[in-house]
Amino acid sequence: MSQFALCVGINRFENLPVNSWLNGCVNDATDVSVLLGTAFGFADSSITVLTDQAATKDAVFGAMTEALDRANVPGEHLDHIVFTMSSHGTQVPDTSGDEADRVDEAFATFDLRQNGAVWDASSLILDDELHDLFTRLPKGVLLDVILDTCHSGSGLRAMDLVPTVDDRRPRYVPPPTPLGRDGAEAEGADTRTLRDLVRSSKAAAKPVLFAACRADQTAADANFDGRYNGAFTHFLLDALQSGAAPSRAAVIKQVNAKLRARKFAQRAQLEASAPGKSTAWGTAF
């Protein structure tokens, strides 16, 4: 079996103030990479970890593009791709023009920067871009995606963006200016998330997507016994390491039970076909 994993974690951002930086994203990327090796048989040479200044838009998107290129080469036998990203989520005005009242979900890379009133699309990863990349997934290749960011969807209130306790911080950075925020929060605006795009895709094969929260929630960056992780990643790794959950659906149920028990408001989401939900994480279907 040929495998490839890209694990991305960004705490520090080139153009954001220190008070907007995060604490647990690099740990998320490192911890997932270790688990892939110890529990799922990934060779060190098959795992790429990009953190902080190494995790630019070009580096992250380029690495995933190369993986999908390999997957489409006859005889390459790339069977399993894993993509994980822990970072800030945000919103940008819809760039595809399919519906004027929509805003796009986006994932911040290290080089996130402003362009006028909004974030520069060339410095972050848009949901449309990931969706278009994932549509190239050929039959017979499994793509597991783990996103521990805020989904920056409708319904976020100002209070949602303020840490409720000292050791928890939302993984969301708003548009950079009031004008940009007004565009993203316009009445009737409908944020399309990557989960929506995956669900509606007509591609020959679809990824299995684990997401840290619903579109109207924030994902927490939190302290666990003196060490920071994303709350979702922390409990997901617990579930996968223990091997107690027999299916992806059981994993998400276990993660959400632990989130509730520790008073995290977010609820993890799973987007997969029925066979994908009923088989174990990392297992083809």
Protein backbone atom coordinates (compact mmCIF):
# COMPACT_ATOMS: atom_id res chain seq x y z
CA MET A 1 0.00 0.00 0.00
CA SER A 2 1.31 3.44 -0.96
CA GLN A 3 0.41 6.29 1.35
CA PHE A 4 0.85 10.06 1.56
CA ALA A 5 -0.04 12.47 4.36
CA LEU A 6 0.15 16.25 4.59
CA CYS A 7 -0.26 17.59 8.13
CA VAL A 8 -0.52 21.38 8.42
CA GLY A 9 -0.50 23.38 11.65
CA ILE A 10 -0.18 27.17 11.88
CA ASN A 11 0.12 29.05 15.17
CA ARG A 12 1.92 32.14 13.92
CA PHE A 13 0.91 34.30 10.98
CA GLU A 14 3.17 36.63 9.06
CA ASN A 15 0.77 39.56 8.98
CA LEU A 16 -1.45 39.04 12.04
CA PRO A 17 -0.76 40.58 15.46
CA VAL A 18 0.51 38.27 18.17
CA ASN A 19 -2.83 38.41 19.99
CA SER A 20 -4.39 36.70 16.95
CA TRP A 21 -1.90 33.82 16.96
CA LEU A 22 -2.86 30.35 18.15
CA ASN A 23 -1.21 27.82 20.48
CA GLY A 24 -2.18 24.28 19.56
CA CYS A 25 -2.12 24.01 15.78
CA VAL A 26 1.53 22.95 15.45
CA ASN A 27 0.95 20.31 18.13
CA ASP A 28 -2.07 19.08 16.16
CA ALA A 29 0.00 18.56 13.02
CA THR A 30 2.84 16.88 14.91
CA ASP A 31 0.54 14.62 16.91
CA VAL A 32 -1.43 13.48 13.87
CA SER A 33 1.80 12.69 12.01
CA VAL A 34 3.02 10.56 14.92
CA LEU A 35 -0.28 8.69 15.12
CA LEU A 36 -0.22 7.95 11.39
CA GLY A 37 3.15 6.29 11.82
CA THR A 38 2.47 4.36 15.01
CA ALA A 39 -1.13 3.26 14.45
CA PHE A 40 -1.70 3.36 10.69
CA GLY A 41 1.60 2.24 9.19
CA PHE A 42 2.66 5.43 7.44
CA ALA A 43 6.39 5.56 6.75
CA ASP A 44 8.19 8.73 7.83
CA SER A 45 9.05 9.39 4.19
CA SER A 46 5.36 9.43 3.27
CA ILE A 47 4.43 12.16 5.77
CA THR A 48 4.97 15.87 5.14
CA VAL A 49 4.48 18.25 8.08
CA LEU A 50 4.19 21.97 7.31
CA THR A 51 4.07 24.39 10.23
CA ASP A 52 4.10 28.16 10.68
CA GLN A 53 6.34 29.88 8.10
CA ALA A 54 6.65 26.70 6.02
CA ALA A 55 2.86 26.54 5.63
CA THR A 56 2.32 29.16 2.94
CA LYS A 57 -0.54 28.97 0.46
CA ASP A 58 1.81 27.81 -2.29
CA ALA A 59 3.43 25.14 -0.12
CA VAL A 60 0.19 23.67 1.24
CA PHE A 61 -1.78 23.74 -1.98
CA GLY A 62 1.24 22.65 -3.99
CA ALA A 63 1.81 19.57 -1.83
CA MET A 64 -1.82 18.49 -2.13
CA THR A 65 -1.80 19.10 -5.88
CA GLU A 66 1.27 16.88 -6.23
CA ALA A 67 -0.46 14.15 -4.21
CA LEU A 68 -3.51 14.23 -6.49
CA ASP A 69 -1.20 14.25 -9.52
CA ARG A 70 0.43 11.07 -8.21
CA ALA A 71 -2.93 9.47 -7.52
CA ASN A 72 -3.85 9.91 -11.18
CA VAL A 73 -0.66 8.37 -12.60
CA PRO A 74 -1.27 4.80 -13.80
CA GLY A 75 0.93 2.38 -11.91
CA GLU A 76 1.70 4.81 -9.07
CA HIS A 77 -0.56 2.80 -6.72
CA LEU A 78 -1.17 5.65 -4.28
CA ASP A 79 -3.94 4.14 -2.18
CA HIS A 80 -4.42 6.48 0.78
CA ILE A 81 -4.04 10.25 1.12
CA VAL A 82 -4.48 12.10 4.41
CA PHE A 83 -4.81 15.88 4.61
CA THR A 84 -5.08 17.61 7.97
CA MET A 85 -5.17 21.34 8.62
CA SER A 86 -5.24 23.21 11.92
CA SER A 87 -5.40 26.97 11.57
CA HIS A 88 -7.71 29.96 11.60
CA GLY A 89 -10.80 29.88 9.46
CA THR A 90 -12.26 33.02 7.92
CA GLN A 91 -14.60 34.33 5.24
CA VAL A 92 -14.10 36.04 1.89
CA PRO A 93 -16.63 37.29 -0.67
CA ASP A 94 -17.72 34.59 -3.11
CA THR A 95 -15.25 34.39 -5.98
CA SER A 96 -16.97 31.86 -8.23
CA GLY A 97 -19.93 34.13 -8.97
CA ASP A 98 -22.42 31.29 -8.81
CA GLU A 99 -24.65 33.10 -6.29
CA ALA A 100 -24.16 36.74 -5.41
CA ASP A 101 -25.34 36.42 -1.81
CA ARG A 102 -22.82 33.76 -0.80
CA VAL A 103 -19.51 34.06 0.97
CA ASP A 104 -16.75 31.51 0.78
CA GLU A 105 -15.24 29.56 3.63
CA ALA A 106 -11.47 29.94 3.72
CA PHE A 107 -8.52 28.54 5.65
CA ALA A 108 -5.70 30.86 6.66
CA THR A 109 -2.13 30.05 5.67
CA PHE A 110 0.99 31.62 7.17
CA ASP A 111 1.14 34.36 4.54
CA LEU A 112 -2.44 35.56 5.07
CA ARG A 113 -2.57 39.21 4.04
CA GLN A 114 -5.06 41.96 3.34
CA ASN A 115 -6.12 43.17 -0.10
CA GLY A 116 -8.18 46.32 0.27
CA ALA A 117 -11.13 45.67 2.55
CA VAL A 118 -10.88 41.86 2.41
CA TRP A 119 -8.33 39.08 2.72
CA ASP A 120 -6.19 38.43 -0.34
CA ALA A 121 -7.46 35.18 -1.89
CA SER A 122 -3.93 34.26 -2.95
CA SER A 123 -2.89 34.10 0.72
CA LEU A 124 -5.45 31.58 1.94
CA ILE A 125 -7.12 28.39 0.76
CA LEU A 126 -10.71 28.73 -0.43
CA ASP A 127 -13.30 26.02 -0.05
CA ASP A 128 -13.82 26.15 -3.82
CA GLU A 129 -10.14 25.45 -4.40
CA LEU A 130 -10.11 22.39 -2.16
CA HIS A 131 -13.33 21.15 -3.68
CA ASP A 132 -11.96 21.46 -7.21
CA LEU A 133 -8.80 19.67 -6.14
CA PHE A 134 -10.75 16.87 -4.46
CA THR A 135 -12.84 16.29 -7.59
CA ARG A 136 -9.66 14.90 -9.15
CA LEU A 137 -9.65 12.01 -6.67
CA PRO A 138 -9.79 8.80 -8.74
CA LYS A 139 -11.80 5.75 -7.77
CA GLY A 140 -9.87 3.38 -5.58
CA VAL A 141 -7.93 6.08 -3.72
CA LEU A 142 -9.03 6.99 -0.18
CA LEU A 143 -8.74 10.62 0.91
CA ASP A 144 -9.22 11.31 4.64
CA VAL A 145 -9.50 15.02 5.48
CA ILE A 146 -9.36 16.49 9.00
CA LEU A 147 -10.05 20.22 9.39
CA ASP A 148 -9.64 21.77 12.83
CA THR A 149 -10.63 25.36 12.08
CA CYS A 150 -13.72 27.46 12.56
CA HIS A 151 -16.01 27.13 9.62
CA SER A 152 -16.76 30.82 9.79
CA GLY A 153 -20.37 30.30 8.85
CA SER A 154 -23.51 32.29 9.43
CA GLY A 155 -24.69 32.90 12.95
CA LEU A 156 -21.37 33.76 14.59
CA ARG A 157 -21.91 36.43 17.20
CA ALA A 158 -19.35 38.81 18.66
CA MET A 159 -19.44 36.86 21.93
CA ASP A 160 -18.51 33.68 20.06
CA LEU A 161 -15.17 35.23 19.12
CA VAL A 162 -14.14 36.06 22.68
CA PRO A 163 -12.49 33.32 24.76
CA THR A 164 -14.87 32.18 27.47
CA VAL A 165 -12.00 31.02 29.67
CA ASP A 166 -8.36 32.02 29.72
CA ASP A 167 -7.04 28.81 28.14
CA ARG A 168 -9.48 28.56 25.22
CA ARG A 169 -9.36 30.61 22.04
CA PRO A 170 -11.52 30.44 18.88
CA ARG A 171 -9.80 29.40 15.66
CA TYR A 172 -11.40 32.13 13.64
CA VAL A 173 -10.07 35.43 12.31
CA PRO A 174 -12.71 37.82 10.92
CA PRO A 175 -12.37 39.78 7.68
CA PRO A 176 -9.76 42.51 8.18
CA THR A 177 -11.96 45.62 7.96
CA PRO A 178 -15.51 46.66 8.92
CA LEU A 179 -16.35 46.86 5.21
CA GLY A 180 -15.13 43.30 4.70
CA ARG A 181 -17.09 42.12 7.72
CA ASP A 182 -20.24 43.85 6.47
CA GLY A 183 -19.93 41.96 3.19
CA ALA A 184 -19.50 38.64 4.97
CA GLU A 185 -22.32 39.26 7.43
CA ALA A 186 -24.86 40.79 5.07
CA GLU A 187 -28.44 39.89 5.83
CA GLY A 188 -29.38 36.74 3.97
CA ALA A 189 -25.79 35.77 3.24
CA ASP A 190 -25.34 32.02 2.99
CA THR A 191 -21.91 30.68 3.79
CA ARG A 192 -21.25 27.58 1.76
CA THR A 193 -18.89 25.28 3.64
CA LEU A 194 -16.55 22.67 2.25
CA ARG A 195 -18.89 20.01 3.64
CA ASP A 196 -21.67 21.39 1.42
CA LEU A 197 -19.42 21.27 -1.63
CA VAL A 198 -18.27 17.71 -0.91
CA ARG A 199 -21.85 16.57 -0.33
CA SER A 200 -23.08 17.98 -3.65
CA SER A 201 -20.04 16.97 -5.70
CA LYS A 202 -20.57 14.70 -8.72
CA ALA A 203 -16.96 13.54 -8.64
CA ALA A 204 -16.14 9.88 -9.22
CA ALA A 205 -14.74 9.58 -5.70
CA LYS A 206 -15.25 11.79 -2.65
CA PRO A 207 -13.09 12.42 0.39
CA VAL A 208 -14.11 11.52 3.92
CA LEU A 209 -14.23 14.80 5.81
CA PHE A 210 -13.96 15.27 9.58
CA ALA A 211 -14.67 18.89 10.57
CA ALA A 212 -14.20 20.44 14.00
CA CYS A 213 -17.58 22.20 14.24
CA ARG A 214 -20.78 23.22 12.53
CA ALA A 215 -20.89 26.24 10.24
CA ASP A 216 -22.39 28.43 12.97
CA GLN A 217 -19.82 27.50 15.63
CA THR A 218 -16.25 28.25 16.60
CA ALA A 219 -13.60 25.57 17.05
CA ALA A 220 -11.53 25.84 20.23
CA ASP A 221 -7.78 26.04 20.65
CA ALA A 222 -7.44 24.78 24.23
CA ASN A 223 -5.10 23.82 27.06
CA PHE A 224 -5.12 20.16 28.09
CA ASP A 225 -2.95 19.50 31.15
CA GLY A 226 -0.50 22.26 30.26
CA ARG A 227 -0.28 21.49 26.53
CA TYR A 228 -2.34 23.08 23.77
CA ASN A 229 -4.25 21.33 20.99
CA GLY A 230 -7.39 21.87 19.05
CA ALA A 231 -10.17 20.45 21.21
CA PHE A 232 -11.46 18.46 18.25
CA THR A 233 -8.03 17.08 17.34
CA HIS A 234 -7.27 16.22 20.98
CA PHE A 235 -10.38 14.07 21.35
CA LEU A 236 -10.14 12.67 17.81
CA LEU A 237 -6.62 11.41 18.48
CA ASP A 238 -7.84 9.84 21.72
CA ALA A 239 -10.54 7.99 19.83
CA LEU A 240 -8.26 6.82 17.03
CA GLN A 241 -5.41 5.85 19.34
CA SER A 242 -7.64 3.74 21.59
CA GLY A 243 -9.06 1.81 18.66
CA ALA A 244 -12.30 1.52 20.60
CA ALA A 245 -14.47 3.09 17.89
CA PRO A 246 -15.26 0.54 15.15
CA SER A 247 -16.39 3.07 12.54
CA ARG A 248 -16.00 6.71 11.53
CA ALA A 249 -19.55 7.35 12.73
CA ALA A 250 -18.64 5.88 16.11
CA VAL A 251 -15.50 8.03 16.23
CA ILE A 252 -17.47 11.25 15.69
CA LYS A 253 -19.99 10.19 18.33
CA GLN A 254 -17.21 9.52 20.82
CA VAL A 255 -15.51 12.84 20.06
CA ASN A 256 -18.73 14.80 20.53
CA ALA A 257 -19.46 13.04 23.82
CA LYS A 258 -16.07 14.19 25.12
CA LEU A 259 -16.58 17.72 23.81
CA ARG A 260 -19.87 17.92 25.69
CA ALA A 261 -18.35 16.48 28.86
CA ARG A 262 -15.64 19.16 28.85
CA LYS A 263 -18.15 21.96 28.16
CA PHE A 264 -17.03 22.75 24.62
CA ALA A 265 -19.95 24.14 22.59
CA GLN A 266 -18.65 22.92 19.21
CA ARG A 267 -19.94 19.73 17.62
CA ALA A 268 -17.70 17.81 15.24
CA GLN A 269 -19.09 16.90 11.83
CA LEU A 270 -18.60 13.96 9.47
CA GLU A 271 -19.21 14.08 5.73
CA ALA A 272 -18.98 10.67 4.07
CA SER A 273 -21.03 8.12 2.16
CA ALA A 274 -22.91 5.49 4.13
CA PRO A 275 -20.11 2.92 3.58
CA GLY A 276 -17.56 5.54 4.61
CA LYS A 277 -19.39 6.21 7.86
CA SER A 278 -19.70 2.53 8.71
CA THR A 279 -16.05 1.59 8.19
CA ALA A 280 -13.10 2.40 10.43
CA TRP A 281 -11.06 5.57 9.93
CA GLY A 282 -8.27 4.98 7.44
CA THR A 283 -10.08 2.03 5.88
CA ALA A 284 -11.16 2.01 2.24
CA PHE A 285 -14.77 1.21 1.38
